[in-house]
N, C-alpha and C. Protein backbone atom coordinates (compact mmCIF):
# COMPACT_ATOMS: atom_id res chain seq x y z
N MET A 1 0.84 -1.17 0.00
CA MET A 1 0.00 0.00 0.00
C MET A 1 0.88 1.23 0.00
N THR A 2 0.41 2.26 -0.62
CA THR A 2 1.12 3.53 -0.66
C THR A 2 0.18 4.62 -0.18
N ALA A 3 0.69 5.58 0.56
CA ALA A 3 -0.11 6.71 1.03
C ALA A 3 0.51 7.99 0.50
N THR A 4 -0.34 8.93 0.08
CA THR A 4 0.15 10.21 -0.41
C THR A 4 -0.84 11.32 -0.06
N ALA A 5 -0.35 12.56 0.08
CA ALA A 5 -1.21 13.70 0.40
C ALA A 5 -1.96 14.17 -0.83
N ASP A 6 -1.30 14.36 -1.92
CA ASP A 6 -1.90 14.82 -3.18
C ASP A 6 -1.09 14.25 -4.33
N PRO A 7 -1.71 14.10 -5.50
CA PRO A 7 -0.91 13.67 -6.66
C PRO A 7 0.26 14.61 -6.87
N GLY A 8 1.41 14.09 -7.18
CA GLY A 8 2.59 14.90 -7.40
C GLY A 8 3.44 15.08 -6.15
N ASP A 9 2.87 14.82 -4.98
CA ASP A 9 3.65 14.91 -3.75
C ASP A 9 4.52 13.67 -3.61
N ASP A 10 5.44 13.72 -2.68
CA ASP A 10 6.27 12.56 -2.40
C ASP A 10 5.41 11.41 -1.91
N LEU A 11 5.83 10.21 -2.19
CA LEU A 11 5.11 9.01 -1.76
C LEU A 11 5.81 8.38 -0.57
N ILE A 12 5.06 7.70 0.24
CA ILE A 12 5.61 6.90 1.32
C ILE A 12 5.21 5.46 1.05
N ASP A 13 6.18 4.59 0.90
CA ASP A 13 5.90 3.18 0.73
C ASP A 13 5.95 2.51 2.10
N LEU A 14 4.89 1.81 2.43
CA LEU A 14 4.82 1.11 3.71
C LEU A 14 5.01 -0.38 3.47
N VAL A 15 5.77 -1.00 4.33
CA VAL A 15 5.93 -2.45 4.29
C VAL A 15 5.41 -2.97 5.62
N LEU A 16 4.39 -3.80 5.55
CA LEU A 16 3.79 -4.37 6.75
C LEU A 16 3.91 -5.89 6.68
N PHE A 17 4.29 -6.49 7.77
CA PHE A 17 4.36 -7.95 7.86
C PHE A 17 3.21 -8.41 8.74
N SER A 18 2.48 -9.40 8.26
CA SER A 18 1.32 -9.89 9.00
C SER A 18 1.27 -11.41 8.92
N LEU A 19 1.01 -12.04 10.05
CA LEU A 19 0.82 -13.47 10.09
C LEU A 19 -0.68 -13.71 9.91
N ALA A 20 -1.05 -14.31 8.80
CA ALA A 20 -2.46 -14.52 8.48
C ALA A 20 -2.63 -15.85 7.76
N ASP A 21 -3.87 -16.30 7.69
CA ASP A 21 -4.17 -17.56 7.02
C ASP A 21 -4.13 -17.45 5.51
N SER A 22 -4.25 -16.23 4.98
CA SER A 22 -4.23 -16.05 3.53
C SER A 22 -3.67 -14.67 3.19
N GLU A 23 -3.28 -14.50 1.93
CA GLU A 23 -2.79 -13.20 1.48
C GLU A 23 -3.90 -12.17 1.57
N ALA A 24 -5.12 -12.57 1.23
CA ALA A 24 -6.25 -11.63 1.29
C ALA A 24 -6.48 -11.13 2.70
N GLU A 25 -6.41 -12.02 3.68
CA GLU A 25 -6.57 -11.62 5.07
C GLU A 25 -5.46 -10.67 5.50
N ALA A 26 -4.23 -10.95 5.08
CA ALA A 26 -3.11 -10.08 5.41
C ALA A 26 -3.29 -8.70 4.81
N MET A 27 -3.76 -8.64 3.56
CA MET A 27 -3.99 -7.34 2.91
C MET A 27 -5.09 -6.56 3.62
N LEU A 28 -6.16 -7.22 4.01
CA LEU A 28 -7.24 -6.54 4.73
C LEU A 28 -6.75 -6.02 6.08
N THR A 29 -5.94 -6.80 6.77
CA THR A 29 -5.40 -6.37 8.05
C THR A 29 -4.49 -5.15 7.89
N ALA A 30 -3.63 -5.18 6.87
CA ALA A 30 -2.73 -4.05 6.61
C ALA A 30 -3.52 -2.80 6.24
N ARG A 31 -4.54 -2.97 5.39
CA ARG A 31 -5.36 -1.83 4.98
C ARG A 31 -6.08 -1.23 6.19
N ALA A 32 -6.61 -2.08 7.06
CA ALA A 32 -7.32 -1.61 8.25
C ALA A 32 -6.37 -0.82 9.16
N ALA A 33 -5.14 -1.29 9.31
CA ALA A 33 -4.16 -0.58 10.14
C ALA A 33 -3.87 0.80 9.56
N CYS A 34 -3.71 0.87 8.24
CA CYS A 34 -3.46 2.17 7.60
C CYS A 34 -4.65 3.11 7.76
N LEU A 35 -5.85 2.59 7.60
CA LEU A 35 -7.04 3.43 7.76
C LEU A 35 -7.17 3.95 9.18
N ARG A 36 -6.87 3.11 10.18
CA ARG A 36 -6.90 3.58 11.57
C ARG A 36 -5.91 4.71 11.78
N ALA A 37 -4.72 4.58 11.22
CA ALA A 37 -3.71 5.64 11.36
C ALA A 37 -4.20 6.93 10.72
N LEU A 38 -4.78 6.82 9.52
CA LEU A 38 -5.27 8.01 8.82
C LEU A 38 -6.42 8.68 9.57
N GLU A 39 -7.26 7.89 10.21
CA GLU A 39 -8.41 8.43 10.94
C GLU A 39 -8.02 9.07 12.27
N ARG A 40 -6.95 8.58 12.89
CA ARG A 40 -6.64 8.98 14.26
C ARG A 40 -5.47 9.94 14.40
N ALA A 41 -4.67 10.12 13.37
CA ALA A 41 -3.50 10.99 13.47
C ALA A 41 -3.78 12.32 12.77
N PRO A 42 -3.94 13.40 13.51
CA PRO A 42 -4.24 14.69 12.90
C PRO A 42 -3.22 15.13 11.85
N GLU A 43 -1.96 14.75 12.04
CA GLU A 43 -0.94 15.16 11.08
C GLU A 43 -1.08 14.45 9.73
N LEU A 44 -1.93 13.43 9.66
CA LEU A 44 -2.16 12.71 8.40
C LEU A 44 -3.50 13.09 7.76
N ILE A 45 -4.09 14.21 8.18
CA ILE A 45 -5.43 14.60 7.75
C ILE A 45 -5.59 14.66 6.23
N ALA A 46 -4.57 15.08 5.51
CA ALA A 46 -4.69 15.21 4.06
C ALA A 46 -4.26 13.96 3.30
N TRP A 47 -3.83 12.92 4.00
CA TRP A 47 -3.30 11.72 3.36
C TRP A 47 -4.41 10.73 3.05
N ARG A 48 -4.26 10.01 1.97
CA ARG A 48 -5.22 9.01 1.53
C ARG A 48 -4.48 7.78 1.02
N LEU A 49 -5.11 6.61 1.12
CA LEU A 49 -4.55 5.41 0.51
C LEU A 49 -4.74 5.50 -1.00
N SER A 50 -3.79 4.97 -1.71
CA SER A 50 -3.89 4.92 -3.17
C SER A 50 -3.20 3.65 -3.65
N ASP A 51 -2.93 3.55 -4.93
CA ASP A 51 -2.20 2.42 -5.50
C ASP A 51 -2.92 1.11 -5.26
N GLY A 52 -4.17 1.07 -5.70
CA GLY A 52 -4.91 -0.17 -5.61
C GLY A 52 -5.67 -0.36 -4.32
N ALA A 53 -5.67 0.62 -3.43
CA ALA A 53 -6.45 0.49 -2.21
C ALA A 53 -7.92 0.45 -2.59
N ALA A 54 -8.59 -0.59 -2.21
CA ALA A 54 -9.99 -0.77 -2.61
C ALA A 54 -10.92 -0.47 -1.46
N GLY A 55 -12.16 -0.18 -1.79
CA GLY A 55 -13.18 0.01 -0.77
C GLY A 55 -13.60 1.45 -0.62
N ASP A 56 -14.64 1.64 0.17
CA ASP A 56 -15.18 2.97 0.42
C ASP A 56 -14.82 3.39 1.83
N GLY A 57 -14.96 4.66 2.10
CA GLY A 57 -14.75 5.15 3.43
C GLY A 57 -13.51 6.00 3.56
N PRO A 58 -13.19 6.41 4.81
CA PRO A 58 -12.03 7.26 5.03
C PRO A 58 -10.77 6.62 4.49
N GLY A 59 -9.89 7.43 3.96
CA GLY A 59 -8.63 6.93 3.48
C GLY A 59 -8.63 6.48 2.04
N THR A 60 -9.76 6.59 1.35
CA THR A 60 -9.80 6.20 -0.06
C THR A 60 -10.13 7.41 -0.91
N ARG A 61 -9.73 7.38 -2.17
CA ARG A 61 -10.01 8.48 -3.09
C ARG A 61 -11.34 8.28 -3.74
């Protein structure tokens, strides 16, 4: 997953390791962790998930 403030801004690549029963479960867990960070950290107010982040709600474009 990648997070960015606006198109053209610098990107931050996150690497998360998760012990899960499947790749899909690991991806959902990682996405949920990123969304929690975006929702709870005021300094990340303008940041959104991108690069294939699926779903509706906070943190998506």
